[in-house]
Amino acid sequence: MSRGSSQHRIHGLFERALVNGNLRNSVVLWRCYIAYEINIASNPSAAKRIFFRAIHACPWSKRLWLDGFLKLNCILTGKELSDLQEVMRDKELNMRTDIYEILLQDELIA
């Protein structure tokens, strides 16, 4: 999974796997794809697009929703994070802390 020409091949493998009806709802596969785009491919905008596709495919997965906050908090705007929290609350996927506390902590660190 190194950088270079294999990136397109790996991206294609993820996309082909997600076309499969049995794997489309695999939370682990979506999380791996998001992690690949963030950590290996260094493409945060692609990770953001994949995240929204993932929560559309697996809206029941609290872990996927939390990845949005933990892995994409520097990519998503405050409004997007707030909207995500509101949708999570509507789906009864509760978090232990308020998103505004997280944003305040980020401001204090910066």
C-alpha atoms as a PDB file:
ATOM      1  CA  MET A   1       0.000   0.000   0.000  1.00  0.00           C
ATOM      2  CA  SER A   2       2.858   2.327  -0.730  1.00  0.00           C
ATOM      3  CA  ARG A   3       2.547   5.556  -2.627  1.00  0.00           C
ATOM      4  CA  GLY A   4       2.870   5.648  -6.361  1.00  0.00           C
ATOM      5  CA  SER A   5       1.226   3.711  -9.145  1.00  0.00           C
ATOM      6  CA  SER A   6      -0.386   1.223  -6.768  1.00  0.00           C
ATOM      7  CA  GLN A   7      -2.675   3.967  -5.381  1.00  0.00           C
ATOM      8  CA  HIS A   8      -4.999   3.763  -8.383  1.00  0.00           C
ATOM      9  CA  ARG A   9      -5.084  -0.023  -8.167  1.00  0.00           C
ATOM     10  CA  ILE A  10      -5.902   0.024  -4.447  1.00  0.00           C
ATOM     11  CA  HIS A  11      -8.563   2.689  -4.964  1.00  0.00           C
ATOM     12  CA  GLY A  12     -10.083   0.513  -7.714  1.00  0.00           C
ATOM     13  CA  LEU A  13     -10.052  -2.540  -5.441  1.00  0.00           C
ATOM     14  CA  PHE A  14     -11.965  -0.681  -2.745  1.00  0.00           C
ATOM     15  CA  GLU A  15     -14.489   0.620  -5.265  1.00  0.00           C
ATOM     16  CA  ARG A  16     -15.010  -2.832  -6.830  1.00  0.00           C
ATOM     17  CA  ALA A  17     -15.453  -4.375  -3.391  1.00  0.00           C
ATOM     18  CA  LEU A  18     -18.106  -1.790  -2.492  1.00  0.00           C
ATOM     19  CA  VAL A  19     -20.074  -2.564  -5.673  1.00  0.00           C
ATOM     20  CA  ASN A  20     -20.544  -6.098  -4.328  1.00  0.00           C
ATOM     21  CA  GLY A  21     -23.950  -6.295  -2.618  1.00  0.00           C
ATOM     22  CA  ASN A  22     -22.578  -8.366   0.269  1.00  0.00           C
ATOM     23  CA  LEU A  23     -19.740  -5.951   0.999  1.00  0.00           C
ATOM     24  CA  ARG A  24     -21.566  -2.650   0.443  1.00  0.00           C
ATOM     25  CA  ASN A  25     -22.798  -2.727   4.045  1.00  0.00           C
ATOM     26  CA  SER A  26     -19.457  -3.735   5.547  1.00  0.00           C
ATOM     27  CA  VAL A  27     -18.520  -1.159   8.170  1.00  0.00           C
ATOM     28  CA  VAL A  28     -14.980  -2.528   8.361  1.00  0.00           C
ATOM     29  CA  LEU A  29     -14.460  -2.097   4.620  1.00  0.00           C
ATOM     30  CA  TRP A  30     -15.722   1.511   4.698  1.00  0.00           C
ATOM     31  CA  ARG A  31     -13.522   2.324   7.691  1.00  0.00           C
ATOM     32  CA  CYS A  32     -10.473   0.818   5.981  1.00  0.00           C
ATOM     33  CA  TYR A  33     -11.199   2.831   2.839  1.00  0.00           C
ATOM     34  CA  ILE A  34     -11.490   6.075   4.817  1.00  0.00           C
ATOM     35  CA  ALA A  35      -8.303   5.292   6.754  1.00  0.00           C
ATOM     36  CA  TYR A  36      -6.474   4.499   3.509  1.00  0.00           C
ATOM     37  CA  GLU A  37      -7.471   7.835   1.959  1.00  0.00           C
ATOM     38  CA  ILE A  38      -6.412   9.773   5.074  1.00  0.00           C
ATOM     39  CA  ASN A  39      -3.236   7.943   6.107  1.00  0.00           C
ATOM     40  CA  ILE A  40      -1.777   6.465   2.920  1.00  0.00           C
ATOM     41  CA  ALA A  41      -3.167   8.442  -0.027  1.00  0.00           C
ATOM     42  CA  SER A  42      -3.202  11.711   1.954  1.00  0.00           C
ATOM     43  CA  ASN A  43      -6.393  12.801   0.218  1.00  0.00           C
ATOM     44  CA  PRO A  44      -8.713  14.359   2.834  1.00  0.00           C
ATOM     45  CA  SER A  45     -11.328  15.501   0.316  1.00  0.00           C
ATOM     46  CA  ALA A  46     -11.681  11.924  -0.980  1.00  0.00           C
ATOM     47  CA  ALA A  47     -11.909  10.684   2.613  1.00  0.00           C
ATOM     48  CA  LYS A  48     -14.718  13.156   3.252  1.00  0.00           C
ATOM     49  CA  ARG A  49     -16.659  11.972   0.171  1.00  0.00           C
ATOM     50  CA  ILE A  50     -16.149   8.347   1.166  1.00  0.00           C
ATOM     51  CA  PHE A  51     -17.285   9.098   4.715  1.00  0.00           C
ATOM     52  CA  PHE A  52     -20.597  10.511   3.502  1.00  0.00           C
ATOM     53  CA  ARG A  53     -21.074   7.518   1.198  1.00  0.00           C
ATOM     54  CA  ALA A  54     -20.302   5.221   4.143  1.00  0.00           C
ATOM     55  CA  ILE A  55     -22.851   6.739   6.511  1.00  0.00           C
ATOM     56  CA  HIS A  56     -25.407   6.573   3.711  1.00  0.00           C
ATOM     57  CA  ALA A  57     -24.674   2.853   3.208  1.00  0.00           C
ATOM     58  CA  CYS A  58     -24.395   2.002   6.931  1.00  0.00           C
ATOM     59  CA  PRO A  59     -26.396   4.593   8.895  1.00  0.00           C
ATOM     60  CA  TRP A  60     -26.689   2.278  11.920  1.00  0.00           C
ATOM     61  CA  SER A  61     -22.926   2.177  12.587  1.00  0.00           C
ATOM     62  CA  LYS A  62     -22.000   4.464  15.436  1.00  0.00           C
ATOM     63  CA  ARG A  63     -18.335   3.703  14.787  1.00  0.00           C
ATOM     64  CA  LEU A  64     -18.553   5.184  11.277  1.00  0.00           C
ATOM     65  CA  TRP A  65     -20.244   8.311  12.580  1.00  0.00           C
ATOM     66  CA  LEU A  66     -17.572   8.713  15.248  1.00  0.00           C
ATOM     67  CA  ASP A  67     -14.875   8.370  12.592  1.00  0.00           C
ATOM     68  CA  GLY A  68     -16.326  11.515  11.083  1.00  0.00           C
ATOM     69  CA  PHE A  69     -15.596  13.373  14.287  1.00  0.00           C
ATOM     70  CA  LEU A  70     -12.283  11.770  15.143  1.00  0.00           C
ATOM     71  CA  LYS A  71     -10.577  11.346  11.781  1.00  0.00           C
ATOM     72  CA  LEU A  72     -12.199  14.117   9.753  1.00  0.00           C
ATOM     73  CA  ASN A  73     -12.530  16.882  12.350  1.00  0.00           C
ATOM     74  CA  CYS A  74      -9.833  18.950  10.636  1.00  0.00           C
ATOM     75  CA  ILE A  75     -11.568  18.528   7.257  1.00  0.00           C
ATOM     76  CA  LEU A  76     -15.208  19.075   8.218  1.00  0.00           C
ATOM     77  CA  THR A  77     -16.431  22.557   9.058  1.00  0.00           C
ATOM     78  CA  GLY A  78     -17.990  23.394  12.412  1.00  0.00           C
ATOM     79  CA  LYS A  79     -21.398  23.516  10.713  1.00  0.00           C
ATOM     80  CA  GLU A  80     -20.900  20.047   9.191  1.00  0.00           C
ATOM     81  CA  LEU A  81     -19.825  18.636  12.555  1.00  0.00           C
ATOM     82  CA  SER A  82     -22.832  20.229  14.220  1.00  0.00           C
ATOM     83  CA  ASP A  83     -25.151  18.808  11.534  1.00  0.00           C
ATOM     84  CA  LEU A  84     -23.621  15.366  11.968  1.00  0.00           C
ATOM     85  CA  GLN A  85     -24.191  15.543  15.699  1.00  0.00           C
ATOM     86  CA  GLU A  86     -27.814  16.530  15.160  1.00  0.00           C
ATOM     87  CA  VAL A  87     -28.437  13.639  12.754  1.00  0.00           C
ATOM     88  CA  MET A  88     -26.738  11.257  15.187  1.00  0.00           C
ATOM     89  CA  ARG A  89     -29.005  12.498  17.951  1.00  0.00           C
ATOM     90  CA  ASP A  90     -32.062  11.934  15.720  1.00  0.00           C
ATOM     91  CA  LYS A  91     -30.861   8.372  15.058  1.00  0.00           C
ATOM     92  CA  GLU A  92     -30.274   7.906  18.806  1.00  0.00           C
ATOM     93  CA  LEU A  93     -26.536   7.414  18.324  1.00  0.00           C
ATOM     94  CA  ASN A  94     -25.502   9.391  21.381  1.00  0.00           C
ATOM     95  CA  MET A  95     -22.026  10.704  22.130  1.00  0.00           C
ATOM     96  CA  ARG A  96     -20.646  11.312  25.591  1.00  0.00           C
ATOM     97  CA  THR A  97     -19.461  14.831  24.905  1.00  0.00           C
ATOM     98  CA  ASP A  98     -20.864  17.818  23.124  1.00  0.00           C
ATOM     99  CA  ILE A  99     -19.364  18.791  19.778  1.00  0.00           C
ATOM    100  CA  TYR A 100     -18.973  22.376  20.967  1.00  0.00           C
ATOM    101  CA  GLU A 101     -16.632  21.180  23.723  1.00  0.00           C
ATOM    102  CA  ILE A 102     -14.477  19.465  21.092  1.00  0.00           C
ATOM    103  CA  LEU A 103     -14.391  22.598  18.956  1.00  0.00           C
ATOM    104  CA  LEU A 104     -13.469  24.736  21.963  1.00  0.00           C
ATOM    105  CA  GLN A 105     -10.624  22.350  22.820  1.00  0.00           C
ATOM    106  CA  ASP A 106      -9.328  22.592  19.252  1.00  0.00           C
ATOM    107  CA  GLU A 107      -9.367  26.408  19.466  1.00  0.00           C
ATOM    108  CA  LEU A 108      -7.490  26.343  22.766  1.00  0.00           C
ATOM    109  CA  ILE A 109      -4.811  24.030  21.357  1.00  0.00           C
ATOM    110  CA  ALA A 110      -4.349  26.083  18.172  1.00  0.00           C
END
